[in-house]
Protein backbone atom coordinates (compact mmCIF):
# COMPACT_ATOMS: atom_id res chain seq x y z
CA MET A 1 -7.90 8.44 -14.08
CA ILE A 2 -5.88 7.46 -11.05
CA LEU A 3 -3.31 9.80 -9.57
CA VAL A 4 -0.94 8.61 -6.85
CA LEU A 5 1.29 11.16 -5.12
CA GLY A 6 4.38 10.59 -3.01
CA VAL A 7 4.99 13.02 -0.17
CA GLY A 8 8.38 14.14 1.15
CA THR A 9 8.69 14.62 4.90
CA ALA A 10 11.29 16.22 7.10
CA CYS A 11 13.00 14.16 9.79
CA GLY A 12 15.43 16.42 11.62
CA ALA A 13 17.70 18.05 9.02
CA ALA A 14 17.44 15.16 6.55
CA GLN A 15 14.64 14.67 4.01
CA GLN A 16 13.06 11.24 3.69
CA ALA A 17 10.66 10.40 0.86
CA VAL A 18 7.47 8.54 1.68
CA ARG A 19 6.89 5.79 -0.86
CA PRO A 20 3.58 6.16 -2.72
CA SER A 21 0.45 4.15 -2.07
CA VAL A 22 -0.16 1.29 -4.48
CA LEU A 23 -3.19 0.60 -6.64
CA ILE A 24 -2.89 -3.12 -7.28
CA ARG A 25 -6.03 -3.63 -9.38
CA ASP A 26 -8.23 -0.96 -10.91
CA SER A 27 -10.96 -2.59 -12.97
CA GLY A 28 -13.61 0.02 -12.29
CA ASN A 29 -15.35 -2.21 -9.77
CA GLU A 30 -17.84 -0.69 -7.33
CA SER A 31 -16.12 -2.38 -4.37
CA ILE A 32 -12.54 -2.09 -3.18
CA ILE A 33 -10.32 -3.88 -0.68
CA VAL A 34 -7.99 -1.43 1.07
CA PHE A 35 -4.85 -2.54 2.91
CA VAL A 36 -3.76 -0.06 5.60
CA HIS A 37 -0.50 -0.76 7.45
CA GLY A 38 0.15 -0.08 11.14
CA LEU A 39 2.16 2.74 12.70
CA LEU A 40 5.56 1.10 12.23
CA GLY A 41 4.98 -0.45 8.79
CA ASP A 42 4.48 0.62 5.19
CA ALA A 43 2.39 -0.52 2.23
CA HIS A 44 5.35 -2.19 0.58
CA THR A 45 6.75 -4.41 3.35
CA THR A 46 3.90 -4.96 5.85
CA TRP A 47 1.94 -7.15 3.45
CA ARG A 48 4.96 -8.99 1.93
CA ASN A 49 6.13 -12.38 3.22
CA SER A 50 9.85 -11.89 3.85
CA ARG A 51 10.62 -15.54 3.17
CA THR A 52 8.61 -16.16 -0.02
CA GLY A 53 8.18 -12.61 -1.33
CA ALA A 54 4.41 -13.15 -1.67
CA TYR A 55 2.50 -9.85 -1.48
CA TRP A 56 -1.00 -10.11 0.04
CA PRO A 57 -2.60 -7.40 -2.12
CA GLU A 58 -1.39 -9.20 -5.26
CA LEU A 59 -2.56 -12.58 -3.94
CA ILE A 60 -6.06 -11.12 -3.50
CA THR A 61 -6.19 -10.31 -7.23
CA ARG A 62 -5.66 -14.01 -8.05
CA ASP A 63 -8.65 -15.15 -5.99
CA THR A 64 -11.60 -15.61 -8.36
CA ASP A 65 -14.05 -15.17 -5.45
CA LEU A 66 -12.75 -11.58 -5.10
CA LYS A 67 -12.69 -10.67 -8.81
CA ASP A 68 -15.33 -7.96 -8.30
CA PHE A 69 -13.06 -5.99 -5.97
CA ASP A 70 -10.34 -3.51 -6.83
CA VAL A 71 -7.31 -3.61 -4.51
CA TYR A 72 -5.41 -0.66 -3.01
CA ALA A 73 -2.53 -0.53 -0.49
CA VAL A 74 -2.37 2.78 1.38
CA ASN A 75 0.99 4.15 2.44
CA TYR A 76 1.37 7.01 4.91
CA GLU A 77 4.06 8.50 7.08
CA SER A 78 4.07 7.64 10.76
CA THR A 79 5.80 10.13 13.03
CA LEU A 80 5.60 7.80 16.02
CA LEU A 81 9.41 7.57 16.33
CA VAL A 82 10.35 11.08 15.14
């Protein structure tokens, strides 16, 4: 079973929800590729081509050389600018 939780965070008086991490492929493989965004990004936009809409974690699942890997995109809150 896979459980993904979203976490709410406070930013001043307003509440902002942190989008959940994304499990792209869960085939029960022993190996996993994990995408971790930088301090100013998130799991949903960092790995997406803004022009074509292609999403790197999804593209990995189409590569037959990487079929033995599950794929996960981690999302976390960065308080760098708070």
